């Protein structure tokens, strides 16, 4: 009886794991380095660097709080990497890709 119950629980857990949508891994960007670079473009402003760090942290938290399809994450991680590694760009890309996917009915 215990073996049957245990097997039933394992089967349900396996089914749940296989039927759940896959979530993508979050890329790891160096926010400090990215924001220092942004700041240097405008002459080294500390205010811009601090604001950039805040925006990047907010964007990362928002992405981590949601679900992102692996295909979209992979594409958008590449887009964000080209810019130097920005979570704000990653977040914007994910939002645009999800909107486009919805418009296509997928």
C-alpha atoms as a PDB file:
ATOM      1  CA  UNK A   1       0.000   0.000   0.000  1.00  0.00           C
ATOM      2  CA  UNK A   2       2.782   2.476   0.913  1.00  0.00           C
ATOM      3  CA  UNK A   3       4.699   1.597  -2.258  1.00  0.00           C
ATOM      4  CA  UNK A   4       1.614   2.225  -4.391  1.00  0.00           C
ATOM      5  CA  UNK A   5       1.010   5.602  -2.738  1.00  0.00           C
ATOM      6  CA  UNK A   6       4.643   6.575  -3.168  1.00  0.00           C
ATOM      7  CA  UNK A   7       4.607   5.562  -6.834  1.00  0.00           C
ATOM      8  CA  UNK A   8       1.410   7.559  -7.374  1.00  0.00           C
ATOM      9  CA  UNK A   9       2.970  10.657  -5.819  1.00  0.00           C
ATOM     10  CA  UNK A  10       6.119  10.263  -7.912  1.00  0.00           C
ATOM     11  CA  UNK A  11       4.060   9.810 -11.077  1.00  0.00           C
ATOM     12  CA  UNK A  12       2.056  12.965 -10.330  1.00  0.00           C
ATOM     13  CA  UNK A  13       5.220  14.945  -9.608  1.00  0.00           C
ATOM     14  CA  UNK A  14       6.790  13.752 -12.856  1.00  0.00           C
ATOM     15  CA  UNK A  15       3.642  14.616 -14.815  1.00  0.00           C
ATOM     16  CA  UNK A  16       3.549  18.094 -13.272  1.00  0.00           C
ATOM     17  CA  UNK A  17       7.212  18.685 -14.071  1.00  0.00           C
ATOM     18  CA  UNK A  18       6.806  17.568 -17.669  1.00  0.00           C
ATOM     19  CA  UNK A  19       3.602  19.495 -18.310  1.00  0.00           C
ATOM     20  CA  UNK A  20       4.745  22.776 -16.748  1.00  0.00           C
ATOM     21  CA  UNK A  21       6.046  25.375 -19.196  1.00  0.00           C
ATOM     22  CA  UNK A  22       9.807  25.575 -19.290  1.00  0.00           C
ATOM     23  CA  UNK A  23      11.323  28.686 -17.788  1.00  0.00           C
ATOM     24  CA  UNK A  24      14.466  30.208 -19.144  1.00  0.00           C
ATOM     25  CA  UNK A  25      17.628  30.885 -17.191  1.00  0.00           C
ATOM     26  CA  UNK A  26      18.409  34.498 -16.400  1.00  0.00           C
ATOM     27  CA  UNK A  27      21.596  35.734 -18.093  1.00  0.00           C
ATOM     28  CA  UNK A  28      24.225  37.201 -15.786  1.00  0.00           C
ATOM     29  CA  UNK A  29      25.205  40.741 -16.706  1.00  0.00           C
ATOM     30  CA  UNK A  30      27.692  43.014 -14.919  1.00  0.00           C
ATOM     31  CA  UNK A  31      25.375  45.897 -14.054  1.00  0.00           C
ATOM     32  CA  UNK A  32      28.121  47.971 -12.448  1.00  0.00           C
ATOM     33  CA  UNK A  33      30.356  47.748 -15.519  1.00  0.00           C
ATOM     34  CA  UNK A  34      27.459  48.430 -17.883  1.00  0.00           C
ATOM     35  CA  UNK A  35      26.320  51.511 -15.929  1.00  0.00           C
ATOM     36  CA  UNK A  36      29.849  52.876 -15.660  1.00  0.00           C
ATOM     37  CA  UNK A  37      30.032  52.649 -19.439  1.00  0.00           C
ATOM     38  CA  UNK A  38      26.710  54.438 -19.845  1.00  0.00           C
ATOM     39  CA  UNK A  39      27.936  57.137 -17.484  1.00  0.00           C
ATOM     40  CA  UNK A  40      31.197  57.573 -19.390  1.00  0.00           C
ATOM     41  CA  UNK A  41      29.314  58.261 -22.631  1.00  0.00           C
ATOM     42  CA  UNK A  42      27.986  61.473 -21.066  1.00  0.00           C
ATOM     43  CA  UNK A  43      31.188  62.492 -19.308  1.00  0.00           C
ATOM     44  CA  UNK A  44      31.190  60.366 -16.158  1.00  0.00           C
ATOM     45  CA  UNK A  45      28.028  61.499 -14.368  1.00  0.00           C
ATOM     46  CA  UNK A  46      27.565  59.846 -10.979  1.00  0.00           C
ATOM     47  CA  UNK A  47      23.843  60.649 -11.076  1.00  0.00           C
ATOM     48  CA  UNK A  48      23.402  58.856 -14.395  1.00  0.00           C
ATOM     49  CA  UNK A  49      25.422  55.882 -13.169  1.00  0.00           C
ATOM     50  CA  UNK A  50      23.317  55.610  -9.986  1.00  0.00           C
ATOM     51  CA  UNK A  51      20.074  55.959 -11.933  1.00  0.00           C
ATOM     52  CA  UNK A  52      21.258  53.318 -14.389  1.00  0.00           C
ATOM     53  CA  UNK A  53      22.031  50.869 -11.565  1.00  0.00           C
ATOM     54  CA  UNK A  54      18.550  51.434 -10.100  1.00  0.00           C
ATOM     55  CA  UNK A  55      16.894  50.859 -13.491  1.00  0.00           C
ATOM     56  CA  UNK A  56      18.927  47.728 -14.141  1.00  0.00           C
ATOM     57  CA  UNK A  57      18.093  46.277 -10.705  1.00  0.00           C
ATOM     58  CA  UNK A  58      14.379  47.016 -11.182  1.00  0.00           C
ATOM     59  CA  UNK A  59      14.388  45.418 -14.635  1.00  0.00           C
ATOM     60  CA  UNK A  60      16.163  42.298 -13.364  1.00  0.00           C
ATOM     61  CA  UNK A  61      13.687  41.943 -10.473  1.00  0.00           C
ATOM     62  CA  UNK A  62      10.738  42.278 -12.850  1.00  0.00           C
ATOM     63  CA  UNK A  63      12.139  39.629 -15.191  1.00  0.00           C
ATOM     64  CA  UNK A  64      12.858  37.272 -12.281  1.00  0.00           C
ATOM     65  CA  UNK A  65       9.299  37.752 -11.012  1.00  0.00           C
ATOM     66  CA  UNK A  66       7.763  36.558 -14.269  1.00  0.00           C
ATOM     67  CA  UNK A  67       7.889  33.635 -16.627  1.00  0.00           C
ATOM     68  CA  UNK A  68       9.852  33.874 -19.850  1.00  0.00           C
ATOM     69  CA  UNK A  69       9.712  31.347 -22.658  1.00  0.00           C
ATOM     70  CA  UNK A  70      13.224  29.936 -23.295  1.00  0.00           C
ATOM     71  CA  UNK A  71      13.140  30.878 -27.007  1.00  0.00           C
ATOM     72  CA  UNK A  72      12.326  34.498 -26.166  1.00  0.00           C
ATOM     73  CA  UNK A  73      14.918  34.631 -23.380  1.00  0.00           C
ATOM     74  CA  UNK A  74      17.646  33.263 -25.646  1.00  0.00           C
ATOM     75  CA  UNK A  75      16.879  35.786 -28.381  1.00  0.00           C
ATOM     76  CA  UNK A  76      16.563  38.735 -26.008  1.00  0.00           C
ATOM     77  CA  UNK A  77      19.675  37.764 -24.022  1.00  0.00           C
ATOM     78  CA  UNK A  78      21.621  38.004 -27.285  1.00  0.00           C
ATOM     79  CA  UNK A  79      20.092  41.400 -28.047  1.00  0.00           C
ATOM     80  CA  UNK A  80      20.890  42.662 -24.532  1.00  0.00           C
ATOM     81  CA  UNK A  81      24.431  41.278 -24.701  1.00  0.00           C
ATOM     82  CA  UNK A  82      25.200  43.229 -27.866  1.00  0.00           C
ATOM     83  CA  UNK A  83      24.480  46.439 -25.956  1.00  0.00           C
ATOM     84  CA  UNK A  84      26.965  45.508 -23.240  1.00  0.00           C
ATOM     85  CA  UNK A  85      24.666  43.449 -21.023  1.00  0.00           C
ATOM     86  CA  UNK A  86      21.592  45.393 -19.960  1.00  0.00           C
ATOM     87  CA  UNK A  87      18.631  44.022 -17.988  1.00  0.00           C
ATOM     88  CA  UNK A  88      16.568  47.051 -19.070  1.00  0.00           C
ATOM     89  CA  UNK A  89      17.132  46.169 -22.715  1.00  0.00           C
ATOM     90  CA  UNK A  90      16.452  42.505 -21.919  1.00  0.00           C
ATOM     91  CA  UNK A  91      13.159  43.434 -20.244  1.00  0.00           C
ATOM     92  CA  UNK A  92      12.066  45.652 -23.144  1.00  0.00           C
ATOM     93  CA  UNK A  93      12.937  42.954 -25.658  1.00  0.00           C
ATOM     94  CA  UNK A  94      10.979  40.317 -23.709  1.00  0.00           C
ATOM     95  CA  UNK A  95       7.939  42.609 -23.561  1.00  0.00           C
ATOM     96  CA  UNK A  96       8.099  43.336 -27.303  1.00  0.00           C
ATOM     97  CA  UNK A  97       8.549  39.665 -28.187  1.00  0.00           C
ATOM     98  CA  UNK A  98       5.589  38.640 -25.987  1.00  0.00           C
ATOM     99  CA  UNK A  99       3.425  41.340 -27.609  1.00  0.00           C
ATOM    100  CA  UNK A 100       4.438  40.199 -31.096  1.00  0.00           C
ATOM    101  CA  UNK A 101       3.793  36.566 -30.185  1.00  0.00           C
ATOM    102  CA  UNK A 102       0.321  37.508 -28.947  1.00  0.00           C
ATOM    103  CA  UNK A 103      -0.400  39.524 -32.104  1.00  0.00           C
ATOM    104  CA  UNK A 104       0.482  36.457 -34.145  1.00  0.00           C
ATOM    105  CA  UNK A 105      -1.860  34.324 -32.050  1.00  0.00           C
ATOM    106  CA  UNK A 106       0.895  32.021 -30.827  1.00  0.00           C
END
